[in-house]
Amino acid sequence: MLQELKRYPQIEMLEIGAGGWPGSAHLPVDALRKDAGRRREYLAKLKEHGLRISALSCHGNPVHPSEEIARRDDETLRSTIELAAAMGVETVVAFSGCPGDSSKDRTPN
């Protein structure tokens, strides 16, 4: 990712996917949450390329009518918020989600 960005010197900040629909291909969330040294290395690598993180992006549906999906997306959101705080990133971009019409729904409304 960083090599590709060299073609765009005007880019200074990145919104990086941390889970949910954007995925987390560019951000090893669990490893970074658990290891302050890895967080420092990750941020140093960005700084080396003149980049900073504007936000972590975590789009899911924590109010999905499927308890399994809701729990997974809630955990992803909480992990993203925790990592953002540990990295000094002030913004987490997320979806509020969409519930079903009734307790019997299996899909969001």
PDB file of N, CA and C in Angstrom:
ATOM      1  N   MET A   1       0.822  -1.187   0.000  1.00  0.00           N
ATOM      2  CA  MET A   1       0.000   0.000   0.000  1.00  0.00           C
ATOM      3  C   MET A   1       0.868   1.254   0.000  1.00  0.00           C
ATOM      4  N   LEU A   2       1.885   1.322   0.865  1.00  0.00           N
ATOM      5  CA  LEU A   2       2.693   2.528   0.970  1.00  0.00           C
ATOM      6  C   LEU A   2       3.463   2.819  -0.303  1.00  0.00           C
ATOM      7  N   GLN A   3       3.946   1.785  -0.976  1.00  0.00           N
ATOM      8  CA  GLN A   3       4.668   1.978  -2.230  1.00  0.00           C
ATOM      9  C   GLN A   3       3.762   2.611  -3.285  1.00  0.00           C
ATOM     10  N   GLU A   4       2.518   2.169  -3.344  1.00  0.00           N
ATOM     11  CA  GLU A   4       1.565   2.715  -4.312  1.00  0.00           C
ATOM     12  C   GLU A   4       1.290   4.189  -4.057  1.00  0.00           C
ATOM     13  N   LEU A   5       1.285   4.586  -2.794  1.00  0.00           N
ATOM     14  CA  LEU A   5       0.967   5.968  -2.443  1.00  0.00           C
ATOM     15  C   LEU A   5       2.071   6.956  -2.810  1.00  0.00           C
ATOM     16  N   LYS A   6       3.265   6.478  -3.088  1.00  0.00           N
ATOM     17  CA  LYS A   6       4.359   7.377  -3.480  1.00  0.00           C
ATOM     18  C   LYS A   6       4.009   8.155  -4.750  1.00  0.00           C
ATOM     19  N   ARG A   7       3.123   7.607  -5.551  1.00  0.00           N
ATOM     20  CA  ARG A   7       2.708   8.296  -6.785  1.00  0.00           C
ATOM     21  C   ARG A   7       1.803   9.487  -6.495  1.00  0.00           C
ATOM     22  N   TYR A   8       1.337   9.608  -5.241  1.00  0.00           N
ATOM     23  CA  TYR A   8       0.396  10.660  -4.871  1.00  0.00           C
ATOM     24  C   TYR A   8       0.931  11.452  -3.683  1.00  0.00           C
ATOM     25  N   PRO A   9       1.934  12.285  -3.901  1.00  0.00           N
ATOM     26  CA  PRO A   9       2.552  12.997  -2.776  1.00  0.00           C
ATOM     27  C   PRO A   9       1.593  13.962  -2.069  1.00  0.00           C
ATOM     28  N   GLN A  10       0.490  14.296  -2.700  1.00  0.00           N
ATOM     29  CA  GLN A  10      -0.475  15.200  -2.067  1.00  0.00           C
ATOM     30  C   GLN A  10      -1.297  14.510  -0.971  1.00  0.00           C
ATOM     31  N   ILE A  11      -1.248  13.181  -0.899  1.00  0.00           N
ATOM     32  CA  ILE A  11      -1.976  12.453   0.140  1.00  0.00           C
ATOM     33  C   ILE A  11      -1.166  12.514   1.429  1.00  0.00           C
ATOM     34  N   GLU A  12      -1.797  13.029   2.473  1.00  0.00           N
ATOM     35  CA  GLU A  12      -1.121  13.177   3.758  1.00  0.00           C
ATOM     36  C   GLU A  12      -1.737  12.326   4.863  1.00  0.00           C
ATOM     37  N   MET A  13      -3.032  12.006   4.716  1.00  0.00           N
ATOM     38  CA  MET A  13      -3.722  11.256   5.750  1.00  0.00           C
ATOM     39  C   MET A  13      -4.529  10.124   5.124  1.00  0.00           C
ATOM     40  N   LEU A  14      -4.694   9.047   5.908  1.00  0.00           N
ATOM     41  CA  LEU A  14      -5.407   7.867   5.429  1.00  0.00           C
ATOM     42  C   LEU A  14      -6.514   7.477   6.394  1.00  0.00           C
ATOM     43  N   GLU A  15      -7.630   7.037   5.848  1.00  0.00           N
ATOM     44  CA  GLU A  15      -8.661   6.365   6.626  1.00  0.00           C
ATOM     45  C   GLU A  15      -8.444   4.877   6.349  1.00  0.00           C
ATOM     46  N   ILE A  16      -8.107   4.122   7.385  1.00  0.00           N
ATOM     47  CA  ILE A  16      -7.708   2.732   7.198  1.00  0.00           C
ATOM     48  C   ILE A  16      -8.787   1.794   7.723  1.00  0.00           C
ATOM     49  N   GLY A  17      -9.148   0.821   6.915  1.00  0.00           N
ATOM     50  CA  GLY A  17     -10.142  -0.173   7.299  1.00  0.00           C
ATOM     51  C   GLY A  17      -9.658  -1.031   8.455  1.00  0.00           C
ATOM     52  N   ALA A  18     -10.530  -1.175   9.460  1.00  0.00           N
ATOM     53  CA  ALA A  18     -10.175  -1.947  10.652  1.00  0.00           C
ATOM     54  C   ALA A  18     -11.140  -3.109  10.881  1.00  0.00           C
ATOM     55  N   GLY A  19     -11.970  -3.401   9.899  1.00  0.00           N
ATOM     56  CA  GLY A  19     -12.888  -4.519  10.044  1.00  0.00           C
ATOM     57  C   GLY A  19     -14.250  -4.228   9.467  1.00  0.00           C
ATOM     58  N   GLY A  20     -15.125  -5.201   9.548  1.00  0.00           N
ATOM     59  CA  GLY A  20     -16.440  -5.061   8.944  1.00  0.00           C
ATOM     60  C   GLY A  20     -16.309  -5.110   7.427  1.00  0.00           C
ATOM     61  N   TRP A  21     -17.165  -4.393   6.746  1.00  0.00           N
ATOM     62  CA  TRP A  21     -17.166  -4.446   5.284  1.00  0.00           C
ATOM     63  C   TRP A  21     -15.881  -3.933   4.647  1.00  0.00           C
ATOM     64  N   PRO A  22     -15.186  -2.911   5.211  1.00  0.00           N
ATOM     65  CA  PRO A  22     -13.922  -2.499   4.586  1.00  0.00           C
ATOM     66  C   PRO A  22     -12.798  -3.526   4.761  1.00  0.00           C
ATOM     67  N   GLY A  23     -12.982  -4.458   5.700  1.00  0.00           N
ATOM     68  CA  GLY A  23     -11.926  -5.418   5.982  1.00  0.00           C
ATOM     69  C   GLY A  23     -10.792  -4.762   6.765  1.00  0.00           C
ATOM     70  N   SER A  24      -9.766  -5.543   7.001  1.00  0.00           N
ATOM     71  CA  SER A  24      -8.620  -5.020   7.749  1.00  0.00           C
ATOM     72  C   SER A  24      -7.306  -5.483   7.130  1.00  0.00           C
ATOM     73  N   ALA A  25      -7.269  -5.554   5.812  1.00  0.00           N
ATOM     74  CA  ALA A  25      -6.085  -6.047   5.097  1.00  0.00           C
ATOM     75  C   ALA A  25      -4.845  -5.200   5.365  1.00  0.00           C
ATOM     76  N   HIS A  26      -5.023  -3.921   5.688  1.00  0.00           N
ATOM     77  CA  HIS A  26      -3.891  -3.018   5.888  1.00  0.00           C
ATOM     78  C   HIS A  26      -3.644  -2.695   7.355  1.00  0.00           C
ATOM     79  N   LEU A  27      -4.356  -3.392   8.248  1.00  0.00           N
ATOM     80  CA  LEU A  27      -4.252  -3.062   9.663  1.00  0.00           C
ATOM     81  C   LEU A  27      -4.476  -4.323  10.500  1.00  0.00           C
ATOM     82  N   PRO A  28      -3.414  -4.909  11.039  1.00  0.00           N
ATOM     83  CA  PRO A  28      -3.581  -6.105  11.876  1.00  0.00           C
ATOM     84  C   PRO A  28      -4.115  -5.709  13.258  1.00  0.00           C
ATOM     85  N   VAL A  29      -5.417  -5.553  13.343  1.00  0.00           N
ATOM     86  CA  VAL A  29      -6.068  -4.967  14.521  1.00  0.00           C
ATOM     87  C   VAL A  29      -5.685  -5.666  15.815  1.00  0.00           C
ATOM     88  N   ASP A  30      -5.877  -6.971  15.894  1.00  0.00           N
ATOM     89  CA  ASP A  30      -5.610  -7.676  17.149  1.00  0.00           C
ATOM     90  C   ASP A  30      -4.147  -7.589  17.556  1.00  0.00           C
ATOM     91  N   ALA A  31      -3.254  -7.764  16.602  1.00  0.00           N
ATOM     92  CA  ALA A  31      -1.821  -7.694  16.918  1.00  0.00           C
ATOM     93  C   ALA A  31      -1.443  -6.300  17.420  1.00  0.00           C
ATOM     94  N   LEU A  32      -1.964  -5.273  16.791  1.00  0.00           N
ATOM     95  CA  LEU A  32      -1.644  -3.910  17.206  1.00  0.00           C
ATOM     96  C   LEU A  32      -2.278  -3.552  18.544  1.00  0.00           C
ATOM     97  N   ARG A  33      -3.481  -4.067  18.804  1.00  0.00           N
ATOM     98  CA  ARG A  33      -4.131  -3.807  20.094  1.00  0.00           C
ATOM     99  C   ARG A  33      -3.296  -4.367  21.237  1.00  0.00           C
ATOM    100  N   LYS A  34      -2.677  -5.514  21.018  1.00  0.00           N
ATOM    101  CA  LYS A  34      -1.973  -6.225  22.077  1.00  0.00           C
ATOM    102  C   LYS A  34      -0.508  -5.821  22.245  1.00  0.00           C
ATOM    103  N   ASP A  35       0.059  -5.109  21.273  1.00  0.00           N
ATOM    104  CA  ASP A  35       1.505  -4.884  21.284  1.00  0.00           C
ATOM    105  C   ASP A  35       1.852  -3.421  20.990  1.00  0.00           C
ATOM    106  N   ALA A  36       2.222  -2.699  22.030  1.00  0.00           N
ATOM    107  CA  ALA A  36       2.568  -1.277  21.884  1.00  0.00           C
ATOM    108  C   ALA A  36       3.749  -1.082  20.943  1.00  0.00           C
ATOM    109  N   GLY A  37       4.698  -2.009  20.960  1.00  0.00           N
ATOM    110  CA  GLY A  37       5.850  -1.914  20.064  1.00  0.00           C
ATOM    111  C   GLY A  37       5.443  -1.992  18.607  1.00  0.00           C
ATOM    112  N   ARG A  38       4.549  -2.914  18.306  1.00  0.00           N
ATOM    113  CA  ARG A  38       4.057  -3.025  16.918  1.00  0.00           C
ATOM    114  C   ARG A  38       3.283  -1.783  16.512  1.00  0.00           C
ATOM    115  N   ARG A  39       2.517  -1.202  17.440  1.00  0.00           N
ATOM    116  CA  ARG A  39       1.804   0.053  17.126  1.00  0.00           C
ATOM    117  C   ARG A  39       2.802   1.148  16.777  1.00  0.00           C
ATOM    118  N   ARG A  40       3.854   1.281  17.581  1.00  0.00           N
ATOM    119  CA  ARG A  40       4.871   2.312  17.312  1.00  0.00           C
ATOM    120  C   ARG A  40       5.516   2.084  15.942  1.00  0.00           C
ATOM    121  N   GLU A  41       5.845   0.827  15.634  1.00  0.00           N
ATOM    122  CA  GLU A  41       6.449   0.509  14.334  1.00  0.00           C
ATOM    123  C   GLU A  41       5.512   0.857  13.181  1.00  0.00           C
ATOM    124  N   TYR A  42       4.245   0.513  13.337  1.00  0.00           N
ATOM    125  CA  TYR A  42       3.247   0.776  12.290  1.00  0.00           C
ATOM    126  C   TYR A  42       3.140   2.281  12.035  1.00  0.00           C
ATOM    127  N   LEU A  43       3.007   3.044  13.111  1.00  0.00           N
ATOM    128  CA  LEU A  43       2.877   4.499  12.980  1.00  0.00           C
ATOM    129  C   LEU A  43       4.167   5.123  12.448  1.00  0.00           C
ATOM    130  N   ALA A  44       5.317   4.584  12.855  1.00  0.00           N
ATOM    131  CA  ALA A  44       6.596   5.096  12.366  1.00  0.00           C
ATOM    132  C   ALA A  44       6.739   4.875  10.865  1.00  0.00           C
ATOM    133  N   LYS A  45       6.268   3.718  10.389  1.00  0.00           N
ATOM    134  CA  LYS A  45       6.339   3.414   8.955  1.00  0.00           C
ATOM    135  C   LYS A  45       5.490   4.411   8.160  1.00  0.00           C
ATOM    136  N   LEU A  46       4.315   4.713   8.669  1.00  0.00           N
ATOM    137  CA  LEU A  46       3.479   5.719   7.999  1.00  0.00           C
ATOM    138  C   LEU A  46       4.175   7.075   7.996  1.00  0.00           C
ATOM    139  N   LYS A  47       4.696   7.466   9.157  1.00  0.00           N
ATOM    140  CA  LYS A  47       5.365   8.771   9.282  1.00  0.00           C
ATOM    141  C   LYS A  47       6.554   8.864   8.331  1.00  0.00           C
ATOM    142  N   GLU A  48       7.274   7.755   8.186  1.00  0.00           N
ATOM    143  CA  GLU A  48       8.412   7.686   7.274  1.00  0.00           C
ATOM    144  C   GLU A  48       8.002   8.050   5.845  1.00  0.00           C
ATOM    145  N   HIS A  49       6.755   7.766   5.503  1.00  0.00           N
ATOM    146  CA  HIS A  49       6.229   8.075   4.174  1.00  0.00           C
ATOM    147  C   HIS A  49       5.417   9.369   4.163  1.00  0.00           C
ATOM    148  N   GLY A  50       5.504  10.139   5.242  1.00  0.00           N
ATOM    149  CA  GLY A  50       4.794  11.418   5.309  1.00  0.00           C
ATOM    150  C   GLY A  50       3.297  11.275   5.514  1.00  0.00           C
ATOM    151  N   LEU A  51       2.869  10.173   6.124  1.00  0.00           N
ATOM    152  CA  LEU A  51       1.437   9.895   6.282  1.00  0.00           C
ATOM    153  C   LEU A  51       1.036   9.816   7.745  1.00  0.00           C
ATOM    154  N   ARG A  52      -0.223  10.138   7.986  1.00  0.00           N
ATOM    155  CA  ARG A  52      -0.841   9.974   9.302  1.00  0.00           C
ATOM    156  C   ARG A  52      -2.205   9.323   9.094  1.00  0.00           C
ATOM    157  N   ILE A  53      -2.769   8.818  10.173  1.00  0.00           N
ATOM    158  CA  ILE A  53      -4.095   8.207  10.107  1.00  0.00           C
ATOM    159  C   ILE A  53      -5.139   9.252  10.487  1.00  0.00           C
ATOM    160  N   SER A  54      -6.088   9.502   9.590  1.00  0.00           N
ATOM    161  CA  SER A  54      -7.178  10.433   9.888  1.00  0.00           C
ATOM    162  C   SER A  54      -8.293   9.728  10.642  1.00  0.00           C
ATOM    163  N   ALA A  55      -8.501   8.440  10.326  1.00  0.00           N
ATOM    164  CA  ALA A  55      -9.589   7.685  10.959  1.00  0.00           C
ATOM    165  C   ALA A  55      -9.379   6.196  10.731  1.00  0.00           C
ATOM    166  N   LEU A  56      -9.956   5.413  11.621  1.00  0.00           N
ATOM    167  CA  LEU A  56     -10.086   3.980  11.386  1.00  0.00           C
ATOM    168  C   LEU A  56     -11.523   3.746  10.951  1.00  0.00           C
ATOM    169  N   SER A  57     -11.700   2.908   9.965  1.00  0.00           N
ATOM    170  CA  SER A  57     -13.009   2.671   9.373  1.00  0.00           C
ATOM    171  C   SER A  57     -13.483   1.270   9.729  1.00  0.00           C
ATOM    172  N   CYS A  58     -14.694   1.191  10.274  1.00  0.00           N
ATOM    173  CA  CYS A  58     -15.220  -0.085  10.746  1.00  0.00           C
ATOM    174  C   CYS A  58     -16.724  -0.113  10.501  1.00  0.00           C
ATOM    175  N   HIS A  59     -17.126  -0.593   9.340  1.00  0.00           N
ATOM    176  CA  HIS A  59     -18.539  -0.596   8.981  1.00  0.00           C
ATOM    177  C   HIS A  59     -19.125  -1.994   9.152  1.00  0.00           C
ATOM    178  N   GLY A  60     -20.120  -2.083   9.973  1.00  0.00           N
ATOM    179  CA  GLY A  60     -20.814  -3.341  10.192  1.00  0.00           C
ATOM    180  C   GLY A  60     -22.230  -3.021  10.647  1.00  0.00           C
ATOM    181  N   ASN A  61     -22.870  -3.971  11.273  1.00  0.00           N
ATOM    182  CA  ASN A  61     -24.235  -3.763  11.723  1.00  0.00           C
ATOM    183  C   ASN A  61     -24.403  -4.343  13.133  1.00  0.00           C
ATOM    184  N   PRO A  62     -24.001  -3.586  14.160  1.00  0.00           N
ATOM    185  CA  PRO A  62     -24.081  -4.102  15.527  1.00  0.00           C
ATOM    186  C   PRO A  62     -25.501  -4.230  16.071  1.00  0.00           C
ATOM    187  N   VAL A  63     -26.504  -3.823  15.309  1.00  0.00           N
ATOM    188  CA  VAL A  63     -27.904  -4.008  15.721  1.00  0.00           C
ATOM    189  C   VAL A  63     -28.641  -4.941  14.752  1.00  0.00           C
ATOM    190  N   HIS A  64     -27.878  -5.732  14.014  1.00  0.00           N
ATOM    191  CA  HIS A  64     -28.447  -6.701  13.068  1.00  0.00           C
ATOM    192  C   HIS A  64     -29.397  -7.648  13.815  1.00  0.00           C
ATOM    193  N   PRO A  65     -30.497  -8.062  13.198  1.00  0.00           N
ATOM    194  CA  PRO A  65     -31.409  -8.982  13.873  1.00  0.00           C
ATOM    195  C   PRO A  65     -30.798 -10.362  14.146  1.00  0.00           C
ATOM    196  N   SER A  66     -29.775 -10.745  13.417  1.00  0.00           N
ATOM    197  CA  SER A  66     -29.073 -11.993  13.706  1.00  0.00           C
ATOM    198  C   SER A  66     -28.122 -11.724  14.873  1.00  0.00           C
ATOM    199  N   GLU A  67     -28.332 -12.417  15.978  1.00  0.00           N
ATOM    200  CA  GLU A  67     -27.478 -12.203  17.156  1.00  0.00           C
ATOM    201  C   GLU A  67     -26.007 -12.458  16.844  1.00  0.00           C
ATOM    202  N   GLU A  68     -25.734 -13.448  16.023  1.00  0.00           N
ATOM    203  CA  GLU A  68     -24.354 -13.776  15.671  1.00  0.00           C
ATOM    204  C   GLU A  68     -23.684 -12.621  14.924  1.00  0.00           C
ATOM    205  N   ILE A  69     -24.379 -12.070  13.922  1.00  0.00           N
ATOM    206  CA  ILE A  69     -23.829 -10.956  13.150  1.00  0.00           C
ATOM    207  C   ILE A  69     -23.713  -9.712  14.035  1.00  0.00           C
ATOM    208  N   ALA A  70     -24.739  -9.431  14.828  1.00  0.00           N
ATOM    209  CA  ALA A  70     -24.710  -8.266  15.714  1.00  0.00           C
ATOM    210  C   ALA A  70     -23.540  -8.360  16.693  1.00  0.00           C
ATOM    211  N   ARG A  71     -23.335  -9.517  17.292  1.00  0.00           N
ATOM    212  CA  ARG A  71     -22.241  -9.706  18.256  1.00  0.00           C
ATOM    213  C   ARG A  71     -20.887  -9.532  17.574  1.00  0.00           C
ATOM    214  N   ARG A  72     -20.730 -10.153  16.405  1.00  0.00           N
ATOM    215  CA  ARG A  72     -19.461 -10.036  15.669  1.00  0.00           C
ATOM    216  C   ARG A  72     -19.159  -8.583  15.334  1.00  0.00           C
ATOM    217  N   ASP A  73     -20.149  -7.867  14.804  1.00  0.00           N
ATOM    218  CA  ASP A  73     -19.927  -6.478  14.394  1.00  0.00           C
ATOM    219  C   ASP A  73     -19.736  -5.561  15.597  1.00  0.00           C
ATOM    220  N   ASP A  74     -20.398  -5.853  16.700  1.00  0.00           N
ATOM    221  CA  ASP A  74     -20.192  -5.083  17.926  1.00  0.00           C
ATOM    222  C   ASP A  74     -18.766  -5.280  18.442  1.00  0.00           C
ATOM    223  N   GLU A  75     -18.287  -6.518  18.441  1.00  0.00           N
ATOM    224  CA  GLU A  75     -16.915  -6.798  18.882  1.00  0.00           C
ATOM    225  C   GLU A  75     -15.899  -6.100  17.987  1.00  0.00           C
ATOM    226  N   THR A  76     -16.145  -6.115  16.684  1.00  0.00           N
ATOM    227  CA  THR A  76     -15.244  -5.447  15.744  1.00  0.00           C
ATOM    228  C   THR A  76     -15.214  -3.950  16.006  1.00  0.00           C
ATOM    229  N   LEU A  77     -16.380  -3.357  16.225  1.00  0.00           N
ATOM    230  CA  LEU A  77     -16.445  -1.925  16.519  1.00  0.00           C
ATOM    231  C   LEU A  77     -15.692  -1.596  17.806  1.00  0.00           C
ATOM    232  N   ARG A  78     -15.910  -2.373  18.845  1.00  0.00           N
ATOM    233  CA  ARG A  78     -15.233  -2.124  20.127  1.00  0.00           C
ATOM    234  C   ARG A  78     -13.717  -2.289  19.995  1.00  0.00           C
ATOM    235  N   SER A  79     -13.272  -3.285  19.255  1.00  0.00           N
ATOM    236  CA  SER A  79     -11.832  -3.480  19.032  1.00  0.00           C
ATOM    237  C   SER A  79     -11.241  -2.301  18.269  1.00  0.00           C
ATOM    238  N   THR A  80     -11.981  -1.814  17.296  1.00  0.00           N
ATOM    239  CA  THR A  80     -11.520  -0.676  16.510  1.00  0.00           C
ATOM    240  C   THR A  80     -11.402   0.569  17.380  1.00  0.00           C
ATOM    241  N   ILE A  81     -12.387   0.810  18.225  1.00  0.00           N
ATOM    242  CA  ILE A  81     -12.343   1.966  19.121  1.00  0.00           C
ATOM    243  C   ILE A  81     -11.158   1.852  20.077  1.00  0.00           C
ATOM    244  N   GLU A  82     -10.950   0.660  20.612  1.00  0.00           N
ATOM    245  CA  GLU A  82      -9.827   0.432  21.524  1.00  0.00           C
ATOM    246  C   GLU A  82      -8.495   0.690  20.829  1.00  0.00           C
ATOM    247  N   LEU A  83      -8.344   0.178  19.603  1.00  0.00           N
ATOM    248  CA  LEU A  83      -7.106   0.398  18.856  1.00  0.00           C
ATOM    249  C   LEU A  83      -6.924   1.868  18.523  1.00  0.00           C
ATOM    250  N   ALA A  84      -7.986   2.521  18.098  1.00  0.00           N
ATOM    251  CA  ALA A  84      -7.881   3.949  17.775  1.00  0.00           C
ATOM    252  C   ALA A  84      -7.365   4.738  18.979  1.00  0.00           C
ATOM    253  N   ALA A  85      -7.910   4.458  20.152  1.00  0.00           N
ATOM    254  CA  ALA A  85      -7.466   5.151  21.360  1.00  0.00           C
ATOM    255  C   ALA A  85      -5.987   4.873  21.628  1.00  0.00           C
ATOM    256  N   ALA A  86      -5.573   3.629  21.476  1.00  0.00           N
ATOM    257  CA  ALA A  86      -4.180   3.258  21.734  1.00  0.00           C
ATOM    258  C   ALA A  86      -3.216   3.892  20.730  1.00  0.00           C
ATOM    259  N   MET A  87      -3.706   4.175  19.516  1.00  0.00           N
ATOM    260  CA  MET A  87      -2.865   4.754  18.474  1.00  0.00           C
ATOM    261  C   MET A  87      -2.962   6.277  18.412  1.00  0.00           C
ATOM    262  N   GLY A  88      -3.823   6.857  19.232  1.00  0.00           N
ATOM    263  CA  GLY A  88      -3.994   8.306  19.192  1.00  0.00           C
ATOM    264  C   GLY A  88      -4.811   8.780  18.009  1.00  0.00           C
ATOM    265  N   VAL A  89      -5.618   7.897  17.447  1.00  0.00           N
ATOM    266  CA  VAL A  89      -6.494   8.254  16.326  1.00  0.00           C
ATOM    267  C   VAL A  89      -7.823   8.703  16.918  1.00  0.00           C
ATOM    268  N   GLU A  90      -8.221   9.925  16.624  1.00  0.00           N
ATOM    269  CA  GLU A  90      -9.393  10.506  17.264  1.00  0.00           C
ATOM    270  C   GLU A  90     -10.724  10.162  16.605  1.00  0.00           C
ATOM    271  N   THR A  91     -10.687   9.586  15.403  1.00  0.00           N
ATOM    272  CA  THR A  91     -11.926   9.352  14.666  1.00  0.00           C
ATOM    273  C   THR A  91     -12.064   7.886  14.266  1.00  0.00           C
ATOM    274  N   VAL A  92     -13.236   7.331  14.555  1.00  0.00           N
ATOM    275  CA  VAL A  92     -13.612   6.006  14.059  1.00  0.00           C
ATOM    276  C   VAL A  92     -14.875   6.206  13.232  1.00  0.00           C
ATOM    277  N   VAL A  93     -14.815   5.799  11.980  1.00  0.00           N
ATOM    278  CA  VAL A  93     -15.961   5.917  11.083  1.00  0.00           C
ATOM    279  C   VAL A  93     -16.693   4.579  11.109  1.00  0.00           C
ATOM    280  N   ALA A  94     -18.006   4.623  11.371  1.00  0.00           N
ATOM    281  CA  ALA A  94     -18.781   3.388  11.498  1.00  0.00           C
ATOM    282  C   ALA A  94     -20.203   3.624  10.992  1.00  0.00           C
ATOM    283  N   PHE A  95     -20.931   2.542  10.832  1.00  0.00           N
ATOM    284  CA  PHE A  95     -22.360   2.613  10.542  1.00  0.00           C
ATOM    285  C   PHE A  95     -23.106   2.334  11.828  1.00  0.00           C
ATOM    286  N   SER A  96     -24.248   2.964  11.996  1.00  0.00           N
ATOM    287  CA  SER A  96     -25.050   2.687  13.185  1.00  0.00           C
ATOM    288  C   SER A  96     -25.712   1.322  13.078  1.00  0.00           C
ATOM    289  N   GLY A  97     -25.959   0.871  11.865  1.00  0.00           N
ATOM    290  CA  GLY A  97     -26.613  -0.410  11.646  1.00  0.00           C
ATOM    291  C   GLY A  97     -28.098  -0.241  11.451  1.00  0.00           C
ATOM    292  N   CYS A  98     -28.743  -1.333  11.133  1.00  0.00           N
ATOM    293  CA  CYS A  98     -30.170  -1.313  10.884  1.00  0.00           C
ATOM    294  C   CYS A  98     -30.792  -2.592  11.432  1.00  0.00           C
ATOM    295  N   PRO A  99     -31.724  -2.459  12.372  1.00  0.00           N
ATOM    296  CA  PRO A  99     -32.363  -3.648  12.944  1.00  0.00           C
ATOM    297  C   PRO A  99     -33.439  -4.203  12.014  1.00  0.00           C
ATOM    298  N   GLY A 100     -34.062  -5.268  12.426  1.00  0.00           N
ATOM    299  CA  GLY A 100     -35.201  -5.803  11.690  1.00  0.00           C
ATOM    300  C   GLY A 100     -36.480  -5.120  12.142  1.00  0.00           C
ATOM    301  N   ASP A 101     -37.594  -5.458  11.500  1.00  0.00           N
ATOM    302  CA  ASP A 101     -38.900  -4.882  11.859  1.00  0.00           C
ATOM    303  C   ASP A 101     -39.451  -5.445  13.163  1.00  0.00           C
ATOM    304  N   SER A 102     -39.118  -6.713  13.421  1.00  0.00           N
ATOM    305  CA  SER A 102     -39.675  -7.362  14.613  1.00  0.00           C
ATOM    306  C   SER A 102     -38.644  -8.346  15.162  1.00  0.00           C
ATOM    307  N   SER A 103     -38.963  -8.932  16.303  1.00  0.00           N
ATOM    308  CA  SER A 103     -38.051  -9.891  16.909  1.00  0.00           C
ATOM    309  C   SER A 103     -37.915 -11.176  16.080  1.00  0.00           C
ATOM    310  N   LYS A 104     -38.807 -11.363  15.113  1.00  0.00           N
ATOM    311  CA  LYS A 104     -38.767 -12.568  14.278  1.00  0.00           C
ATOM    312  C   LYS A 104     -37.993 -12.358  12.972  1.00  0.00           C
ATOM    313  N   ASP A 105     -37.630 -11.113  12.679  1.00  0.00           N
ATOM    314  CA  ASP A 105     -36.887 -10.840  11.441  1.00  0.00           C
ATOM    315  C   ASP A 105     -35.510 -11.484  11.470  1.00  0.00           C
ATOM    316  N   ARG A 106     -35.052 -11.875  10.280  1.00  0.00           N
ATOM    317  CA  ARG A 106     -33.722 -12.459  10.143  1.00  0.00           C
ATOM    318  C   ARG A 106     -32.804 -11.549   9.362  1.00  0.00           C
ATOM    319  N   THR A 107     -33.369 -10.537   8.721  1.00  0.00           N
ATOM    320  CA  THR A 107     -32.557  -9.604   7.943  1.00  0.00           C
ATOM    321  C   THR A 107     -32.895  -8.181   8.388  1.00  0.00           C
ATOM    322  N   PRO A 108     -31.975  -7.257   8.196  1.00  0.00           N
ATOM    323  CA  PRO A 108     -32.241  -5.861   8.561  1.00  0.00           C
ATOM    324  C   PRO A 108     -33.377  -5.274   7.736  1.00  0.00           C
ATOM    325  N   ASN A 109     -34.033  -4.286   8.288  1.00  0.00           N
ATOM    326  CA  ASN A 109     -35.133  -3.607   7.632  1.00  0.00           C
ATOM    327  C   ASN A 109     -34.582  -2.637   6.610  1.00  0.00           C
TER     328      ASN A 109
END
